[in-house]
C-alpha cells in the first residue's frame, strides 16, 4: 500500500533541526562505538551483525504496529536498488578504513552532500539550489577540511586506494538518498524503506566478510557487546527510521547539509571517551560548518 504524503515542507523547521542534531551526534558517537567493537569483531562482519540485528528489531516493530510491509506497491526493484547501494556503501567504508586512516576517510565520505545536491538538481524538480546554498555547502565542507587538514599530507599509494573507496562510498550514500527521494519509495512507510536496505545488507555484508577472509569474532567483552547493541538498536534501528521519516517531509539537500556535523561530533566524542586529541582548529571548523548549514537552509527572499 502506498501512503500519500500531503504535508511535505520546503524548509527545515525546529522539529527537524532538533532531530538532525540528535542524529548527527549519535552518528558521531557511532565512530567511537565502531572503534571499540573493532577490537573484538572484524569491521565488515561488525556492520553485518548490525544489519542483521536491526532487521529483526525493525521487523518486530512493524508487527507491533501492524504495518503491512509485504503489499505489492511497485517498490520492490527500487527497494532492492536502495539496499544494494546501502550495502555497497558500508562495505566500502569498512574496507577502505583498512587502507587509509579515519580522518582522511571523513573528508572523502562527506563528499556525499554534494552528490545529493547534484542529484536533486537532476532528479528532484522541486529542489533547486540557489547560489547561497552552493556557497553554504562549500563553506561547510571547508570546515571539515580545516578540522582534518593534517591528515591530507603526503598520502601513500595504499592510502589513495582507501581514499577512492571512501569517495565511491560517498557517491553510494548520496545516491541512496536521491533514489529514495525521487522514487516511489518516498510514498511508503519509512520502516519498509529501511527494511529493504537492512535486509539486503544483512545478507550481503556477512558474505563480504567471508570473501575478504576476515577474522570474525575474536574477543567478546561487556564493552564490545555494549558497542554492538548501541549500533544495532539505536543507530541502525531508531536513528535510521528517524532519518527516513525526515526524508519523506523535508528537502533532501537541506537534510544532507546537516550531516557535516557528524564528523565533528565524532571528534568531540573521541576526545571525551577515548581521550583522543582535540585541536584548536575544531572551533573554527564548527563555525564554518554552522555557517554553511545556515546558508543552505536560509529561506529564499520573496
Protein backbone atom coordinates (compact mmCIF):
# COMPACT_ATOMS: atom_id res chain seq x y z
CA UNK A 1 0.00 0.00 0.00
CA UNK A 2 1.27 3.46 -0.93
CA UNK A 3 0.79 6.32 1.52
CA UNK A 4 0.42 9.83 0.16
CA UNK A 5 2.46 12.49 1.94
CA UNK A 6 0.37 15.65 1.92
CA UNK A 7 2.34 17.90 4.25
CA UNK A 8 5.81 17.96 2.71
CA UNK A 9 7.81 21.03 3.64
CA UNK A 10 10.13 23.28 1.66
CA UNK A 11 12.43 24.12 4.58
CA UNK A 12 13.56 22.67 7.89
CA UNK A 13 11.57 23.63 10.98
CA UNK A 14 12.62 23.46 14.63
CA UNK A 15 11.47 19.84 14.98
CA UNK A 16 13.60 18.72 12.05
CA UNK A 17 16.63 20.68 13.29
CA UNK A 18 16.44 19.13 16.77
CA UNK A 19 16.09 15.63 15.33
CA UNK A 20 19.00 16.22 12.94
CA UNK A 21 21.32 17.42 15.71
CA UNK A 22 20.48 14.31 17.75
CA UNK A 23 21.07 12.10 14.70
CA UNK A 24 24.42 13.70 13.87
CA UNK A 25 25.58 13.45 17.49
CA UNK A 26 24.51 9.79 17.54
CA UNK A 27 26.31 9.02 14.29
CA UNK A 28 29.41 10.81 15.54
CA UNK A 29 29.38 8.67 18.69
CA UNK A 30 28.95 5.64 16.43
CA UNK A 31 32.50 6.20 15.17
CA UNK A 32 33.73 5.63 18.72
CA UNK A 33 31.50 2.56 19.10
CA UNK A 34 32.91 1.06 15.89
CA UNK A 35 36.48 1.58 17.10
CA UNK A 36 35.66 -0.09 20.42
CA UNK A 37 33.90 -3.07 18.82
CA UNK A 38 36.68 -3.47 16.22
CA UNK A 39 38.94 -4.76 18.99
CA UNK A 40 36.92 -7.96 19.03
CA UNK A 41 34.82 -8.09 15.85
CA UNK A 42 36.07 -7.69 12.26
CA UNK A 43 34.86 -4.44 10.65
CA UNK A 44 32.69 -5.75 7.77
CA UNK A 45 31.26 -8.54 9.93
CA UNK A 46 30.51 -5.91 12.58
CA UNK A 47 28.47 -3.99 10.02
CA UNK A 48 26.72 -7.22 9.01
CA UNK A 49 25.83 -8.01 12.61
CA UNK A 50 24.41 -4.53 12.91
CA UNK A 51 22.20 -5.04 9.85
CA UNK A 52 21.03 -8.50 10.97
CA UNK A 53 20.10 -7.31 14.45
CA UNK A 54 18.41 -4.16 13.19
CA UNK A 55 16.44 -6.11 10.56
CA UNK A 56 14.95 -8.26 13.32
CA UNK A 57 14.15 -5.26 15.53
CA UNK A 58 12.55 -3.17 12.77
CA UNK A 59 10.54 -6.17 11.55
CA UNK A 60 9.23 -6.76 15.10
CA UNK A 61 8.39 -3.05 15.25
CA UNK A 62 6.27 -3.32 12.10
CA UNK A 63 4.46 -6.36 13.53
CA UNK A 64 3.78 -4.49 16.77
CA UNK A 65 2.33 -1.56 14.84
CA UNK A 66 0.52 -3.94 12.44
CA UNK A 67 2.12 -2.33 9.42
CA UNK A 68 1.73 -4.14 6.11
CA UNK A 69 5.18 -4.45 4.57
CA UNK A 70 4.51 -7.25 2.07
CA UNK A 71 1.91 -5.43 -0.01
CA UNK A 72 2.57 -5.10 -3.73
CA UNK A 73 3.17 -1.38 -4.11
CA UNK A 74 5.57 -1.24 -7.04
CA UNK A 75 8.63 -0.53 -4.91
CA UNK A 76 10.38 -3.92 -4.95
CA UNK A 77 13.07 -3.15 -7.51
CA UNK A 78 13.53 0.36 -6.17
CA UNK A 79 13.99 -1.14 -2.70
CA UNK A 80 16.49 -3.70 -3.94
CA UNK A 81 18.48 -0.94 -5.64
CA UNK A 82 18.48 1.11 -2.43
CA UNK A 83 19.53 -1.96 -0.44
CA UNK A 84 22.44 -2.72 -2.77
CA UNK A 85 23.63 0.89 -2.58
CA UNK A 86 23.35 0.77 1.22
CA UNK A 87 25.30 -2.49 1.46
CA UNK A 88 27.92 -1.28 -1.01
CA UNK A 89 28.38 1.95 0.92
CA UNK A 90 29.18 0.24 4.22
CA UNK A 91 31.27 -2.46 2.58
CA UNK A 92 33.49 0.20 1.00
CA UNK A 93 33.62 2.27 4.20
CA UNK A 94 34.81 -0.59 6.36
CA UNK A 95 37.11 -1.98 3.67
CA UNK A 96 38.54 1.46 2.88
CA UNK A 97 39.34 2.10 6.53
CA UNK A 98 41.83 -0.75 6.26
CA UNK A 99 43.78 1.24 3.66
CA UNK A 100 43.52 4.81 4.91
CA UNK A 101 43.15 6.49 8.29
CA UNK A 102 39.84 7.55 9.79
CA UNK A 103 40.39 11.31 9.48
CA UNK A 104 41.13 11.05 5.74
CA UNK A 105 38.08 8.81 5.39
CA UNK A 106 35.86 11.51 6.90
CA UNK A 107 36.90 14.06 4.29
CA UNK A 108 36.12 11.83 1.33
CA UNK A 109 32.95 10.32 2.84
CA UNK A 110 31.47 13.77 3.37
CA UNK A 111 31.51 14.49 -0.31
CA UNK A 112 28.05 12.88 -0.07
CA UNK A 113 26.07 16.13 0.41
CA UNK A 114 27.44 17.36 -2.92
CA UNK A 115 26.19 14.14 -4.56
CA UNK A 116 22.77 14.77 -3.01
CA UNK A 117 22.77 18.40 -4.18
CA UNK A 118 23.70 17.42 -7.74
CA UNK A 119 21.24 14.55 -7.81
CA UNK A 120 18.46 16.78 -6.52
CA UNK A 121 19.07 19.23 -9.37
CA UNK A 122 18.68 16.43 -11.91
CA UNK A 123 16.08 14.09 -10.45
CA UNK A 124 14.02 16.13 -7.95
CA UNK A 125 12.37 19.08 -9.74
CA UNK A 126 11.06 20.60 -6.50
CA UNK A 127 14.58 21.02 -5.09
CA UNK A 128 16.62 23.63 -6.91
CA UNK A 129 19.79 25.03 -5.33
CA UNK A 130 20.40 28.75 -5.15
CA UNK A 131 23.86 30.33 -5.22
CA UNK A 132 23.92 30.97 -1.47
CA UNK A 133 23.16 27.30 -0.84
CA UNK A 134 26.05 26.19 -3.03
CA UNK A 135 28.31 28.57 -1.11
CA UNK A 136 26.94 27.13 2.12
CA UNK A 137 27.86 23.58 1.11
CA UNK A 138 31.36 24.70 0.17
CA UNK A 139 31.67 26.58 3.48
CA UNK A 140 30.62 23.52 5.49
CA UNK A 141 32.98 21.26 3.57
CA UNK A 142 35.77 23.76 4.17
CA UNK A 143 35.06 23.32 7.87
CA UNK A 144 35.66 19.57 7.50
CA UNK A 145 38.92 20.28 5.66
CA UNK A 146 40.03 22.63 8.45
CA UNK A 147 39.23 20.07 11.16
CA UNK A 148 41.07 17.24 9.41
CA UNK A 149 43.62 19.16 7.31
CA UNK A 150 46.65 17.43 8.81
CA UNK A 151 45.51 14.06 7.52
CA UNK A 152 45.72 15.20 3.88
CA UNK A 153 49.52 15.45 3.84
CA UNK A 154 51.73 13.05 1.87
CA UNK A 155 49.35 10.19 1.09
CA UNK A 156 50.85 6.83 0.18
CA UNK A 157 49.66 4.71 -2.73
CA UNK A 158 47.83 2.48 -0.24
CA UNK A 159 46.06 5.49 1.28
CA UNK A 160 44.96 6.64 -2.16
CA UNK A 161 43.26 3.28 -2.70
CA UNK A 162 41.35 3.77 0.54
CA UNK A 163 40.50 7.35 -0.44
CA UNK A 164 38.95 6.14 -3.70
CA UNK A 165 36.90 3.54 -1.81
CA UNK A 166 35.58 6.20 0.58
CA UNK A 167 34.78 8.57 -2.29
CA UNK A 168 32.76 5.84 -4.02
CA UNK A 169 31.03 5.10 -0.70
CA UNK A 170 30.07 8.79 -0.56
CA UNK A 171 28.56 8.52 -4.03
CA UNK A 172 26.57 5.45 -2.92
CA UNK A 173 25.38 7.27 0.21
CA UNK A 174 24.24 10.31 -1.74
CA UNK A 175 22.71 8.18 -4.49
CA UNK A 176 20.68 6.25 -1.90
CA UNK A 177 19.23 9.49 -0.54
CA UNK A 178 18.35 10.78 -4.02
CA UNK A 179 16.91 7.42 -5.08
CA UNK A 180 14.57 7.32 -2.09
CA UNK A 181 13.51 10.94 -2.56
CA UNK A 182 12.91 10.64 -6.31
CA UNK A 183 11.23 7.22 -6.44
CA UNK A 184 8.03 5.55 -5.19
CA UNK A 185 9.96 4.68 -2.01
CA UNK A 186 9.13 8.18 -0.78
CA UNK A 187 5.45 7.26 -0.54
CA UNK A 188 5.74 4.11 1.59
CA UNK A 189 6.34 3.77 5.29
CA UNK A 190 9.89 4.61 6.48
CA UNK A 191 10.06 1.21 8.19
CA UNK A 192 9.65 -0.59 4.87
CA UNK A 193 12.25 1.61 3.20
CA UNK A 194 14.67 0.77 6.00
CA UNK A 195 13.86 -2.95 5.87
CA UNK A 196 14.74 -3.04 2.17
CA UNK A 197 18.22 -1.74 3.00
CA UNK A 198 18.80 -3.64 6.22
CA UNK A 199 17.54 -6.93 4.80
CA UNK A 200 19.78 -6.86 1.75
CA UNK A 201 22.82 -5.67 3.69
CA UNK A 202 22.18 -8.34 6.35
CA UNK A 203 22.89 -10.91 3.64
CA UNK A 204 25.50 -9.06 1.58
CA UNK A 205 27.81 -7.82 4.34
CA UNK A 206 28.43 -11.18 6.10
CA UNK A 207 29.11 -12.69 2.68
CA UNK A 208 31.52 -9.84 2.00
CA UNK A 209 33.26 -10.62 5.29
CA UNK A 210 33.72 -14.22 4.17
CA UNK A 211 35.04 -13.17 0.76
CA UNK A 212 37.54 -10.81 2.43
CA UNK A 213 38.54 -13.64 4.82
CA UNK A 214 38.12 -11.54 7.92
CA UNK A 215 39.00 -12.97 11.31
CA UNK A 216 35.40 -12.73 12.52
CA UNK A 217 34.69 -12.58 16.25
CA UNK A 218 37.94 -12.85 18.23
CA UNK A 219 37.01 -11.20 21.54
CA UNK A 220 33.82 -10.52 23.47
CA UNK A 221 33.71 -8.15 26.43
CA UNK A 222 30.83 -6.21 28.01
CA UNK A 223 32.14 -3.02 26.39
CA UNK A 224 32.25 -4.61 22.93
CA UNK A 225 28.76 -6.05 23.40
CA UNK A 226 27.52 -2.63 24.52
CA UNK A 227 29.05 -1.03 21.41
CA UNK A 228 27.29 -3.56 19.16
CA UNK A 229 23.96 -3.07 20.97
CA UNK A 230 24.29 0.70 20.52
CA UNK A 231 24.86 0.24 16.78
CA UNK A 232 22.07 -2.33 16.33
CA UNK A 233 19.35 -0.75 18.45
CA UNK A 234 19.97 2.98 18.44
CA UNK A 235 21.87 3.64 15.19
CA UNK A 236 20.56 1.14 12.63
CA UNK A 237 17.03 0.93 14.05
CA UNK A 238 15.98 4.19 15.75
CA UNK A 239 18.10 6.86 14.04
CA UNK A 240 17.74 5.40 10.54
CA UNK A 241 13.97 5.24 10.94
CA UNK A 242 14.04 8.89 12.01
CA UNK A 243 16.22 9.79 9.00
CA UNK A 244 13.85 8.15 6.51
CA UNK A 245 10.91 9.83 8.20
CA UNK A 246 12.65 13.16 7.68
CA UNK A 247 13.25 12.33 4.03
CA UNK A 248 9.53 11.95 3.48
CA UNK A 249 8.75 15.50 4.55
CA UNK A 250 11.84 17.70 4.11
CA UNK A 251 14.20 18.61 1.21
CA UNK A 252 16.96 16.02 0.83
CA UNK A 253 19.68 18.58 0.12
CA UNK A 254 18.83 20.56 3.28
CA UNK A 255 18.94 17.40 5.37
CA UNK A 256 22.24 16.33 3.82
CA UNK A 257 23.89 19.63 4.74
CA UNK A 258 23.41 18.84 8.44
CA UNK A 259 25.44 15.64 8.15
CA UNK A 260 28.60 17.77 8.08
CA UNK A 261 28.15 17.98 11.85
CA UNK A 262 28.61 14.22 12.26
CA UNK A 263 32.43 14.01 11.98
CA UNK A 264 32.82 16.99 14.32
CA UNK A 265 30.65 15.25 16.90
CA UNK A 266 32.82 12.20 16.30
CA UNK A 267 35.97 14.18 17.14
CA UNK A 268 34.34 15.53 20.30
CA UNK A 269 33.20 12.03 21.33
CA UNK A 270 36.65 10.62 20.64
CA UNK A 271 38.20 13.31 22.81
CA UNK A 272 35.81 12.79 25.72
CA UNK A 273 35.59 8.98 25.65
CA UNK A 274 38.81 7.75 24.03
CA UNK A 275 40.92 10.74 25.17
CA UNK A 276 41.99 11.47 21.59
CA UNK A 277 43.47 14.95 21.00
CA UNK A 278 41.11 17.80 20.10
CA UNK A 279 42.85 20.53 18.10
CA UNK A 280 42.16 24.26 18.23
CA UNK A 281 41.04 24.12 14.59
CA UNK A 282 37.90 22.27 15.71
CA UNK A 283 36.29 25.53 16.89
CA UNK A 284 36.93 27.18 13.53
CA UNK A 285 35.56 24.08 11.81
CA UNK A 286 32.38 24.27 13.89
CA UNK A 287 31.90 27.92 12.90
CA UNK A 288 32.38 27.14 9.20
CA UNK A 289 30.09 24.12 9.27
CA UNK A 290 27.44 26.01 11.24
CA UNK A 291 27.63 28.96 8.84
CA UNK A 292 27.42 26.64 5.85
CA UNK A 293 24.35 24.87 7.23
CA UNK A 294 22.71 28.24 7.88
CA UNK A 295 23.28 29.35 4.27
CA UNK A 296 21.96 26.08 2.84
CA UNK A 297 18.79 26.39 4.89
CA UNK A 298 18.37 30.16 4.57
CA UNK A 299 14.92 30.85 3.12
CA UNK A 300 14.70 32.45 -0.28
CA UNK A 301 13.70 36.10 -0.33
CA UNK A 302 10.22 36.73 -1.62
